């Protein structure tokens, strides 16, 4: 009987499931969405029960395509990074999961950074501490919600909670764990210094093992829900960024990966841990252990709102209905001129990371006038997101990166207009991945490597099916350089007002906050 591998990616807004056969051909796919809750300004939470319900739906969609002579030989996992699941003694979450875009831990970030020193944290972990990272969220629970903290027996990352539901076993990997800011990036294991700084006992964290290690087998109750055989092996997996690099074939420094999903990441492979001393980028562990043939780390610049900004425009501003909404919107943008008729958009809807590391940054339209059309508005949003990605990329270049090409993935890679926009702005050829679910492909690669010992680099090169290259236009690049300079100036011009508006918003909500999210009853399953 022929074999295939199931990759499951627990994203920010949906679970994606892909089935890939031994030749790397896509044999089935499925997805299911779930909501993010914002009970207070700056909060971002999800219900782990929603993750499980969506996983069941996505896996059943993906495997429903399979012929009877094709067997799922193993399962690999990928997931949104940085988030925090507090698990009680009854194996149930004691409160909703706090995800990466949450901003409640500003005070804890400042306090921990002052106590340890920014340079020390960056040197140990490869990154500056930021809101939404598990280290900061744990510190918030310890200081602000100690009653919940002391009910928590285990602290898990999102994909590790999903694997626990599959197998009953607790584990994590260096790639995902490095995004907690509790891991020593060089030693690829928990950092005693960071655990002591935050105040967490190592016993509450899962053991760190290789992403290709078999963590357990699919237990009967989970197998029945998914429609898969019990006993199917499940590998540990990794974070979505690390899996995305593997699944897109981005395994050396000649190629930079631009992932445009809810947020955006610009990533390049690295041979060692050489973090930016200013803390503008993140150096995290790769999905695979380093060898003479392969890199063990990657450097990432991250921007908070990419697809998030476009979805906000679609739903809240333009209210464009239908499954083809994004296609129609990019069609309108294509009709607008470069620079959107003098309209500039700052996409800082959830703060910003690279290069500003400013959780209180806010978005803005600048230059808005009565002559602007809906096409101008959409184009300005797409250009603003792309400029934010270029800001992150420029920091990588400053640190020594000199890639020859871009591989573009995520939902944004579906758009020919956006691929050309990226090529023109970055002045590099762009190739899009045939499937936008690169993290799920990477998860399937990990399953195949761990269960059948296939060559991971060979699999990554074959399974990552890339489209033709889109070449940049020198003339358009010159215009975009002018516009990008104004984009950078705009942040400096409005940042002070953005911070004041944030303070005003918080003052309005003081004393009128909604009931604490922990009091919400999580829906039984």
Protein backbone atom coordinates (compact mmCIF):
# COMPACT_ATOMS: atom_id res chain seq x y z
CA UNK A 1 0.00 0.00 0.00
CA UNK A 2 1.30 3.45 -0.92
CA UNK A 3 2.02 5.89 1.87
CA UNK A 4 1.39 9.56 2.47
CA UNK A 5 2.02 12.05 5.26
CA UNK A 6 -0.38 14.47 6.93
CA UNK A 7 0.83 17.97 7.79
CA UNK A 8 -1.32 20.06 10.14
CA UNK A 9 -0.66 23.78 10.58
CA UNK A 10 -2.42 25.53 13.46
CA UNK A 11 -2.45 29.11 12.16
CA UNK A 12 -3.68 32.37 13.62
CA UNK A 13 -7.08 32.24 11.96
CA UNK A 14 -7.45 28.68 10.69
CA UNK A 15 -6.12 25.13 10.75
CA UNK A 16 -4.75 23.94 7.42
CA UNK A 17 -4.26 20.23 6.71
CA UNK A 18 -2.38 18.80 3.73
CA UNK A 19 -1.76 15.23 2.64
CA UNK A 20 1.43 14.72 0.62
CA UNK A 21 2.55 11.42 -0.92
CA UNK A 22 6.07 10.02 -1.01
CA UNK A 23 6.81 11.86 -4.27
CA UNK A 24 5.79 15.19 -2.76
CA UNK A 25 2.50 15.42 -4.66
CA UNK A 26 -0.42 17.07 -2.91
CA UNK A 27 -3.17 14.47 -2.48
CA UNK A 28 -5.63 16.26 -0.21
CA UNK A 29 -6.19 19.52 1.61
CA UNK A 30 -8.61 21.07 4.06
CA UNK A 31 -9.01 24.09 6.30
CA UNK A 32 -11.31 25.38 9.01
CA UNK A 33 -11.39 28.78 10.70
CA UNK A 34 -11.83 29.89 14.32
CA UNK A 35 -12.21 33.30 15.94
CA UNK A 36 -9.82 35.46 17.92
CA UNK A 37 -11.41 37.16 20.93
CA UNK A 38 -10.49 40.66 22.09
CA UNK A 39 -12.17 41.03 25.52
CA UNK A 40 -10.16 44.19 26.28
CA UNK A 41 -8.10 46.61 24.20
CA UNK A 42 -4.81 44.94 23.31
CA UNK A 43 -5.94 41.43 24.30
CA UNK A 44 -5.89 38.55 21.77
CA UNK A 45 -7.18 35.15 22.89
CA UNK A 46 -8.39 31.89 21.39
CA UNK A 47 -10.20 28.88 22.77
CA UNK A 48 -8.10 25.68 22.42
CA UNK A 49 -11.35 23.76 22.01
CA UNK A 50 -11.92 25.74 18.81
CA UNK A 51 -8.51 24.58 17.58
CA UNK A 52 -9.49 20.97 18.07
CA UNK A 53 -12.89 21.34 16.40
CA UNK A 54 -11.25 23.05 13.41
CA UNK A 55 -8.52 20.39 13.24
CA UNK A 56 -11.09 17.62 13.04
CA UNK A 57 -12.92 19.42 10.23
CA UNK A 58 -9.72 20.24 8.28
CA UNK A 59 -8.25 16.74 8.56
CA UNK A 60 -11.49 15.10 7.50
CA UNK A 61 -11.62 17.41 4.46
CA UNK A 62 -8.03 16.59 3.54
CA UNK A 63 -8.25 12.83 4.01
CA UNK A 64 -11.67 12.61 2.39
CA UNK A 65 -9.89 12.99 -0.97
CA UNK A 66 -7.68 9.93 -0.47
CA UNK A 67 -8.11 6.68 -2.39
CA UNK A 68 -8.42 3.54 -0.25
CA UNK A 69 -4.98 2.26 -1.28
CA UNK A 70 -3.19 5.35 0.15
CA UNK A 71 -2.28 5.08 3.84
CA UNK A 72 -1.47 7.99 6.20
CA UNK A 73 1.88 6.81 7.56
CA UNK A 74 2.43 9.69 9.96
CA UNK A 75 1.45 13.15 11.12
CA UNK A 76 3.58 16.28 11.47
CA UNK A 77 2.60 19.53 13.18
CA UNK A 78 3.23 23.23 12.70
CA UNK A 79 1.71 26.08 14.65
CA UNK A 80 1.50 29.77 15.40
CA UNK A 81 4.44 30.73 17.57
CA UNK A 82 4.84 32.53 20.92
CA UNK A 83 1.36 31.77 22.34
CA UNK A 84 0.56 30.46 25.81
CA UNK A 85 -1.75 27.64 26.91
CA UNK A 86 -2.10 27.08 30.67
CA UNK A 87 -3.13 23.49 31.30
CA UNK A 88 -4.63 22.41 34.61
CA UNK A 89 -4.40 19.12 36.45
CA UNK A 90 -7.55 17.92 34.68
CA UNK A 91 -5.86 18.37 31.26
CA UNK A 92 -8.10 21.32 30.47
CA UNK A 93 -7.05 24.90 29.80
CA UNK A 94 -7.65 27.06 32.87
CA UNK A 95 -8.13 30.18 30.72
CA UNK A 96 -8.26 31.01 27.01
CA UNK A 97 -4.97 30.79 25.15
CA UNK A 98 -3.07 34.07 24.85
CA UNK A 99 -1.72 34.32 21.29
CA UNK A 100 1.20 36.13 19.68
CA UNK A 101 -0.61 39.38 18.82
CA UNK A 102 -1.63 40.02 22.44
CA UNK A 103 -0.23 43.23 23.93
CA UNK A 104 -1.25 43.04 27.61
CA UNK A 105 2.29 42.35 28.87
CA UNK A 106 3.86 45.74 28.02
CA UNK A 107 4.79 46.43 31.65
CA UNK A 108 6.30 42.96 32.10
CA UNK A 109 8.41 43.38 28.94
CA UNK A 110 9.81 46.64 30.27
CA UNK A 111 10.43 45.27 33.77
CA UNK A 112 12.12 42.04 32.66
CA UNK A 113 14.25 43.86 30.10
CA UNK A 114 15.41 46.40 32.67
CA UNK A 115 16.13 43.70 35.23
CA UNK A 116 18.22 41.44 32.98
CA UNK A 117 19.44 43.98 30.44
CA UNK A 118 18.38 43.98 26.81
CA UNK A 119 21.81 42.87 25.57
CA UNK A 120 21.83 39.86 27.92
CA UNK A 121 18.38 38.68 26.80
CA UNK A 122 19.25 39.12 23.13
CA UNK A 123 22.54 37.25 23.51
CA UNK A 124 20.90 34.31 25.32
CA UNK A 125 17.75 33.94 23.25
CA UNK A 126 18.56 35.56 19.90
CA UNK A 127 15.82 38.14 20.26
CA UNK A 128 14.58 41.07 22.27
CA UNK A 129 11.56 40.36 24.46
CA UNK A 130 8.21 41.55 23.08
CA UNK A 131 4.55 41.42 24.03
CA UNK A 132 2.84 38.18 23.04
CA UNK A 133 5.99 36.11 23.59
CA UNK A 134 5.40 33.34 26.10
CA UNK A 135 8.01 34.62 28.57
CA UNK A 136 6.24 37.97 28.83
CA UNK A 137 2.77 36.39 29.00
CA UNK A 138 3.83 34.03 31.81
CA UNK A 139 5.23 37.00 33.75
CA UNK A 140 1.88 38.76 33.27
CA UNK A 141 -0.05 35.78 34.67
CA UNK A 142 2.33 35.49 37.63
CA UNK A 143 1.96 39.18 38.48
CA UNK A 144 -1.59 39.97 37.40
CA UNK A 145 -3.56 36.69 37.60
CA UNK A 146 -1.74 34.55 40.14
CA UNK A 147 -4.89 32.54 40.92
CA UNK A 148 -4.90 31.25 37.34
CA UNK A 149 -1.15 30.75 37.30
CA UNK A 150 -1.13 28.49 40.32
CA UNK A 151 -3.87 26.34 38.81
CA UNK A 152 -1.65 25.71 35.77
CA UNK A 153 0.34 22.48 35.92
CA UNK A 154 1.78 22.75 32.39
CA UNK A 155 2.55 25.63 30.02
CA UNK A 156 2.35 24.73 26.34
CA UNK A 157 2.71 26.36 22.95
CA UNK A 158 -0.34 26.16 20.66
CA UNK A 159 0.86 23.33 18.41
CA UNK A 160 2.06 21.38 21.45
CA UNK A 161 -1.41 21.57 22.99
CA UNK A 162 -2.83 20.24 19.72
CA UNK A 163 -0.37 17.34 19.75
CA UNK A 164 -1.31 16.58 23.34
CA UNK A 165 -4.91 16.23 22.17
CA UNK A 166 -3.71 13.82 19.49
CA UNK A 167 -1.36 11.66 21.56
CA UNK A 168 -1.69 12.54 25.24
CA UNK A 169 2.06 13.29 25.35
CA UNK A 170 3.85 16.53 26.27
CA UNK A 171 6.80 17.76 24.21
CA UNK A 172 8.17 20.72 22.28
CA UNK A 173 11.03 21.39 19.86
CA UNK A 174 13.81 23.99 19.63
CA UNK A 175 12.23 25.78 16.65
CA UNK A 176 8.95 26.59 18.40
CA UNK A 177 10.43 26.86 21.89
CA UNK A 178 12.95 29.48 20.79
CA UNK A 179 10.00 31.80 20.13
CA UNK A 180 9.05 31.69 23.81
CA UNK A 181 12.22 33.64 24.75
CA UNK A 182 12.80 30.98 27.43
CA UNK A 183 15.22 28.93 25.30
CA UNK A 184 18.98 29.28 25.00
CA UNK A 185 19.24 29.63 21.22
CA UNK A 186 22.77 28.24 20.99
CA UNK A 187 22.23 25.22 23.22
CA UNK A 188 18.70 24.60 21.88
CA UNK A 189 17.31 23.88 25.35
CA UNK A 190 15.58 25.79 28.16
CA UNK A 191 17.70 28.61 29.58
CA UNK A 192 18.05 28.47 33.40
CA UNK A 193 18.79 32.21 33.40
CA UNK A 194 15.59 33.09 31.51
CA UNK A 195 13.46 30.71 33.61
CA UNK A 196 14.83 32.33 36.75
CA UNK A 197 14.21 35.82 35.36
CA UNK A 198 10.56 35.08 34.56
CA UNK A 199 9.98 32.96 37.67
CA UNK A 200 8.86 29.68 36.12
CA UNK A 201 9.92 26.20 37.18
CA UNK A 202 11.22 24.04 34.33
CA UNK A 203 8.88 21.24 35.46
CA UNK A 204 5.94 23.22 34.11
CA UNK A 205 7.45 23.27 30.63
CA UNK A 206 7.51 20.29 28.25
CA UNK A 207 10.79 18.52 27.45
CA UNK A 208 12.62 19.85 24.37
CA UNK A 209 13.32 17.24 21.71
CA UNK A 210 13.96 17.14 17.97
CA UNK A 211 11.15 18.16 15.66
CA UNK A 212 11.45 14.85 13.79
CA UNK A 213 11.21 12.72 16.95
CA UNK A 214 8.11 10.57 17.29
CA UNK A 215 6.25 12.13 20.22
CA UNK A 216 3.58 9.44 20.46
CA UNK A 217 0.81 7.67 18.63
CA UNK A 218 -2.68 8.78 17.76
CA UNK A 219 -4.86 7.67 20.64
CA UNK A 220 -8.16 5.96 19.98
CA UNK A 221 -10.54 8.79 20.90
CA UNK A 222 -8.63 11.29 18.73
CA UNK A 223 -8.28 8.83 15.87
CA UNK A 224 -12.03 8.25 15.89
CA UNK A 225 -12.71 11.98 15.70
CA UNK A 226 -10.26 12.47 12.83
CA UNK A 227 -11.23 9.36 10.90
CA UNK A 228 -7.67 7.97 11.03
CA UNK A 229 -6.28 4.66 12.33
CA UNK A 230 -5.32 4.66 16.03
CA UNK A 231 -1.61 4.18 16.55
CA UNK A 232 -0.60 6.45 13.67
CA UNK A 233 2.77 7.98 14.68
CA UNK A 234 2.92 11.72 15.35
CA UNK A 235 6.21 13.63 15.26
CA UNK A 236 6.92 16.64 17.46
CA UNK A 237 6.84 19.22 14.62
CA UNK A 238 7.90 22.86 14.87
CA UNK A 239 6.76 26.48 14.74
CA UNK A 240 5.11 27.81 11.60
CA UNK A 241 8.05 30.00 10.61
CA UNK A 242 10.57 27.15 10.79
CA UNK A 243 8.17 24.75 9.04
CA UNK A 244 7.44 27.38 6.42
CA UNK A 245 11.12 27.69 5.53
CA UNK A 246 11.41 23.92 5.17
CA UNK A 247 8.17 23.61 3.23
CA UNK A 248 9.19 26.35 0.79
CA UNK A 249 12.64 24.91 0.16
CA UNK A 250 14.32 27.96 1.73
CA UNK A 251 17.28 26.14 3.25
CA UNK A 252 20.27 28.39 2.48
CA UNK A 253 21.16 32.07 2.48
CA UNK A 254 20.76 32.58 -1.28
CA UNK A 255 17.00 32.86 -0.86
CA UNK A 256 14.91 35.01 1.44
CA UNK A 257 11.44 33.82 2.40
CA UNK A 258 8.67 36.40 2.53
CA UNK A 259 5.59 34.97 4.20
CA UNK A 260 2.48 37.12 3.89
CA UNK A 261 -0.21 35.72 6.16
CA UNK A 262 -1.97 37.36 9.13
CA UNK A 263 1.37 38.92 9.97
CA UNK A 264 4.42 38.88 7.71
CA UNK A 265 7.90 37.49 8.16
CA UNK A 266 11.09 38.01 6.17
CA UNK A 267 13.44 35.10 6.91
CA UNK A 268 16.86 33.86 5.84
CA UNK A 269 18.82 30.79 6.90
CA UNK A 270 21.77 31.23 9.27
CA UNK A 271 24.72 29.04 10.26
CA UNK A 272 24.89 30.29 13.82
CA UNK A 273 23.41 32.65 16.39
CA UNK A 274 24.53 36.19 15.61
CA UNK A 275 21.65 38.34 16.88
CA UNK A 276 21.11 41.98 16.10
CA UNK A 277 22.43 43.82 19.19
CA UNK A 278 19.64 46.37 18.77
CA UNK A 279 17.03 43.61 19.04
CA UNK A 280 15.26 44.49 15.79
CA UNK A 281 15.32 40.95 14.41
CA UNK A 282 14.84 37.48 15.85
CA UNK A 283 17.34 34.63 15.49
CA UNK A 284 15.47 31.40 16.15
CA UNK A 285 16.24 27.69 15.83
CA UNK A 286 15.39 25.97 12.56
CA UNK A 287 13.13 22.96 12.36
CA UNK A 288 16.11 20.64 11.79
CA UNK A 289 19.23 20.16 13.89
CA UNK A 290 22.38 21.76 12.39
CA UNK A 291 24.86 19.57 10.48
CA UNK A 292 27.70 20.21 8.07
CA UNK A 293 25.15 20.15 5.24
CA UNK A 294 22.36 22.22 6.71
CA UNK A 295 21.82 25.35 8.73
CA UNK A 296 20.38 25.18 12.24
CA UNK A 297 19.00 28.69 12.67
CA UNK A 298 17.31 31.48 10.77
CA UNK A 299 17.08 35.24 11.19
CA UNK A 300 13.66 36.81 10.91
CA UNK A 301 12.26 40.28 10.63
CA UNK A 302 8.57 40.36 11.52
CA UNK A 303 5.77 42.80 10.86
CA UNK A 304 2.53 42.45 12.78
CA UNK A 305 -0.22 43.25 10.27
CA UNK A 306 -0.13 41.97 6.69
CA UNK A 307 -3.20 39.91 5.84
CA UNK A 308 -4.64 41.26 9.08
CA UNK A 309 -4.63 44.77 7.58
CA UNK A 310 -6.16 43.61 4.29
CA UNK A 311 -8.84 41.62 6.12
CA UNK A 312 -9.61 44.69 8.26
CA UNK A 313 -9.99 46.75 5.10
CA UNK A 314 -12.24 44.11 3.52
CA UNK A 315 -14.51 43.55 6.51
CA UNK A 316 -14.59 46.78 8.48
CA UNK A 317 -13.98 49.54 5.95
CA UNK A 318 -15.08 48.41 2.47
CA UNK A 319 -17.34 45.52 3.58
CA UNK A 320 -16.67 43.50 0.44
CA UNK A 321 -18.65 40.24 0.48
CA UNK A 322 -17.99 36.96 -1.29
CA UNK A 323 -15.25 34.39 -1.66
CA UNK A 324 -13.70 36.45 -4.46
CA UNK A 325 -13.43 39.62 -2.35
CA UNK A 326 -9.63 39.73 -2.34
CA UNK A 327 -9.44 39.16 -6.10
CA UNK A 328 -11.84 42.03 -6.68
CA UNK A 329 -9.92 44.28 -4.30
CA UNK A 330 -6.56 43.63 -5.96
CA UNK A 331 -8.27 44.24 -9.30
CA UNK A 332 -9.26 47.71 -8.08
CA UNK A 333 -5.70 48.28 -6.82
CA UNK A 334 -4.26 47.34 -10.21
CA UNK A 335 -6.21 50.20 -11.79
CA UNK A 336 -4.64 52.76 -9.42
CA UNK A 337 -1.30 54.43 -10.06
CA UNK A 338 1.92 53.84 -8.13
CA UNK A 339 1.62 55.71 -4.86
CA UNK A 340 -2.19 55.42 -4.88
CA UNK A 341 -2.72 59.02 -5.94
CA UNK A 342 -0.63 60.41 -3.07
CA UNK A 343 -2.12 58.16 -0.39
CA UNK A 344 0.17 56.45 2.14
CA UNK A 345 -0.86 53.76 4.63
CA UNK A 346 0.98 52.82 7.83
CA UNK A 347 -0.07 49.21 8.60
CA UNK A 348 0.63 49.25 12.34
CA UNK A 349 -2.80 48.00 13.41
CA UNK A 350 -1.39 45.80 16.18
CA UNK A 351 1.85 47.59 17.03
CA UNK A 352 5.02 46.74 15.13
CA UNK A 353 8.11 44.63 15.50
CA UNK A 354 10.97 44.93 13.01
CA UNK A 355 12.49 47.48 12.90
CA UNK A 356 10.59 49.63 15.41
CA UNK A 357 9.84 47.11 18.20
CA UNK A 358 6.96 49.33 19.24
CA UNK A 359 3.87 47.61 20.61
CA UNK A 360 2.05 50.96 20.81
CA UNK A 361 2.50 52.00 17.18
CA UNK A 362 -0.80 52.60 15.38
CA UNK A 363 -1.88 52.67 11.75
CA UNK A 364 -2.70 55.72 9.68
CA UNK A 365 -3.77 56.93 6.26
CA UNK A 366 -1.81 60.01 5.19
CA UNK A 367 -2.69 62.24 2.27
CA UNK A 368 -6.35 61.17 2.11
CA UNK A 369 -8.43 63.40 -0.17
CA UNK A 370 -11.78 63.42 -1.93
CA UNK A 371 -10.29 62.27 -5.23
CA UNK A 372 -9.17 58.93 -3.80
CA UNK A 373 -11.06 55.89 -5.04
CA UNK A 374 -11.49 52.48 -3.46
CA UNK A 375 -8.68 51.29 -5.74
CA UNK A 376 -6.37 53.94 -4.32
CA UNK A 377 -7.25 52.87 -0.79
CA UNK A 378 -6.61 49.18 -1.49
CA UNK A 379 -3.37 49.92 -3.32
CA UNK A 380 -2.12 52.12 -0.47
CA UNK A 381 -2.77 49.28 1.99
CA UNK A 382 -0.90 46.76 -0.19
CA UNK A 383 1.97 49.19 -0.70
CA UNK A 384 2.11 50.01 3.03
CA UNK A 385 2.28 46.34 4.01
CA UNK A 386 5.03 45.75 1.44
CA UNK A 387 7.02 48.76 2.66
CA UNK A 388 6.80 47.44 6.23
CA UNK A 389 8.22 44.13 4.98
CA UNK A 390 10.99 46.03 3.18
CA UNK A 391 11.85 47.80 6.44
CA UNK A 392 12.32 44.38 8.04
CA UNK A 393 14.34 43.11 5.08
CA UNK A 394 16.65 46.14 5.19
CA UNK A 395 17.67 45.18 8.73
CA UNK A 396 18.63 41.69 7.49
CA UNK A 397 20.72 43.31 4.75
CA UNK A 398 22.35 45.54 7.35
CA UNK A 399 23.30 42.35 9.22
CA UNK A 400 24.97 40.87 6.13
CA UNK A 401 22.22 39.17 4.13
CA UNK A 402 22.58 39.34 0.34
CA UNK A 403 19.99 36.99 -1.17
CA UNK A 404 19.55 36.52 -4.90
CA UNK A 405 15.82 35.88 -4.92
CA UNK A 406 12.62 35.91 -2.90
CA UNK A 407 10.27 32.98 -2.35
CA UNK A 408 6.87 34.42 -1.50
CA UNK A 409 4.37 32.36 0.46
CA UNK A 410 1.19 32.74 2.45
CA UNK A 411 -2.14 34.10 1.30
CA UNK A 412 -0.52 37.13 -0.31
CA UNK A 413 1.42 34.90 -2.70
CA UNK A 414 -1.83 33.97 -4.45
CA UNK A 415 -2.04 37.44 -6.00
CA UNK A 416 -0.05 38.05 -9.23
CA UNK A 417 -0.40 41.79 -8.57
CA UNK A 418 1.13 41.49 -5.10
CA UNK A 419 3.97 39.28 -6.36
CA UNK A 420 4.86 41.94 -8.95
CA UNK A 421 4.56 44.67 -6.31
CA UNK A 422 7.02 42.81 -4.06
CA UNK A 423 9.47 42.29 -6.93
CA UNK A 424 9.35 46.00 -7.81
CA UNK A 425 9.67 47.23 -4.21
CA UNK A 426 12.48 44.81 -3.22
CA UNK A 427 14.19 44.90 -6.64
CA UNK A 428 14.58 41.11 -6.58
CA UNK A 429 13.00 38.31 -8.63
CA UNK A 430 10.06 36.68 -6.85
CA UNK A 431 8.83 33.10 -7.09
CA UNK A 432 5.57 32.07 -5.52
CA UNK A 433 4.93 28.70 -3.92
CA UNK A 434 2.37 26.60 -5.78
CA UNK A 435 0.49 26.07 -2.51
CA UNK A 436 0.22 28.82 0.09
CA UNK A 437 0.24 26.31 2.96
CA UNK A 438 4.03 26.03 3.18
CA UNK A 439 4.02 25.45 6.95
CA UNK A 440 1.75 22.41 6.55
CA UNK A 441 4.08 21.09 3.83
CA UNK A 442 7.01 21.55 6.18
CA UNK A 443 5.14 19.65 8.88
CA UNK A 444 4.55 16.78 6.44
CA UNK A 445 8.27 16.79 5.54
CA UNK A 446 9.12 16.45 9.24
CA UNK A 447 6.77 13.49 9.52
CA UNK A 448 8.39 11.78 6.52
CA UNK A 449 11.90 12.44 7.85
CA UNK A 450 11.10 11.22 11.35
CA UNK A 451 9.11 8.16 10.37
CA UNK A 452 10.78 7.02 7.13
CA UNK A 453 14.22 8.67 7.53
CA UNK A 454 14.12 10.38 4.13
CA UNK A 455 16.66 13.10 3.30
CA UNK A 456 15.11 16.37 4.57
CA UNK A 457 16.96 18.69 2.18
CA UNK A 458 16.08 16.56 -0.83
CA UNK A 459 12.45 16.39 0.26
CA UNK A 460 12.31 20.14 0.85
CA UNK A 461 13.67 20.80 -2.63
CA UNK A 462 11.25 18.43 -4.36
CA UNK A 463 8.11 19.01 -2.29
CA UNK A 464 8.35 22.81 -2.56
CA UNK A 465 6.83 23.44 -5.97
CA UNK A 466 7.61 26.97 -7.09
CA UNK A 467 6.00 29.04 -9.84
CA UNK A 468 7.88 31.04 -12.50
CA UNK A 469 10.00 34.01 -11.49
CA UNK A 470 8.49 37.51 -11.56
CA UNK A 471 11.18 40.02 -12.53
CA UNK A 472 11.35 43.55 -11.04
CA UNK A 473 10.96 46.73 -13.07
CA UNK A 474 13.83 49.20 -12.62
CA UNK A 475 11.57 52.16 -13.43
CA UNK A 476 8.94 51.18 -10.89
CA UNK A 477 11.61 50.43 -8.30
CA UNK A 478 12.92 54.00 -8.56
CA UNK A 479 9.45 55.40 -7.84
CA UNK A 480 8.98 53.02 -4.95
CA UNK A 481 12.30 54.10 -3.43
CA UNK A 482 10.95 57.66 -3.30
CA UNK A 483 7.71 56.51 -1.75
CA UNK A 484 9.45 54.23 0.76
CA UNK A 485 11.52 57.16 2.03
CA UNK A 486 8.26 59.02 2.76
CA UNK A 487 6.86 55.90 4.44
CA UNK A 488 9.81 55.85 6.85
CA UNK A 489 9.47 59.55 7.56
CA UNK A 490 5.76 59.08 8.26
CA UNK A 491 6.39 56.72 11.18
CA UNK A 492 8.67 59.26 12.84
CA UNK A 493 6.12 62.02 12.24
CA UNK A 494 3.13 60.28 13.83
CA UNK A 495 4.64 58.00 16.49
CA UNK A 496 4.31 60.47 19.36
CA UNK A 497 0.64 61.05 18.58
CA UNK A 498 0.08 57.29 18.24
CA UNK A 499 1.36 56.75 21.78
CA UNK A 500 -0.83 59.53 23.15
CA UNK A 501 -3.90 58.08 21.43
CA UNK A 502 -3.14 54.68 22.97
CA UNK A 503 -2.96 56.23 26.42
CA UNK A 504 -6.26 58.00 25.78
CA UNK A 505 -7.92 54.75 24.67
CA UNK A 506 -6.80 52.94 27.82
CA UNK A 507 -7.99 55.76 30.05
CA UNK A 508 -11.46 55.62 28.45
CA UNK A 509 -11.71 51.90 29.21
CA UNK A 510 -10.49 52.12 32.81
CA UNK A 511 -13.27 51.19 35.16
CA UNK A 512 -15.48 50.10 32.27
CA UNK A 513 -13.61 46.99 31.19
CA UNK A 514 -15.54 43.93 30.19
CA UNK A 515 -15.60 40.95 32.58
CA UNK A 516 -12.26 39.20 32.80
CA UNK A 517 -11.76 36.69 30.00
CA UNK A 518 -10.87 33.94 32.46
CA UNK A 519 -14.43 34.04 33.76
CA UNK A 520 -15.83 33.12 30.35
CA UNK A 521 -16.97 29.54 30.28
CA UNK A 522 -15.08 27.69 27.59
CA UNK A 523 -17.47 25.75 25.45
CA UNK A 524 -17.59 22.05 26.34
CA UNK A 525 -16.76 19.52 23.68
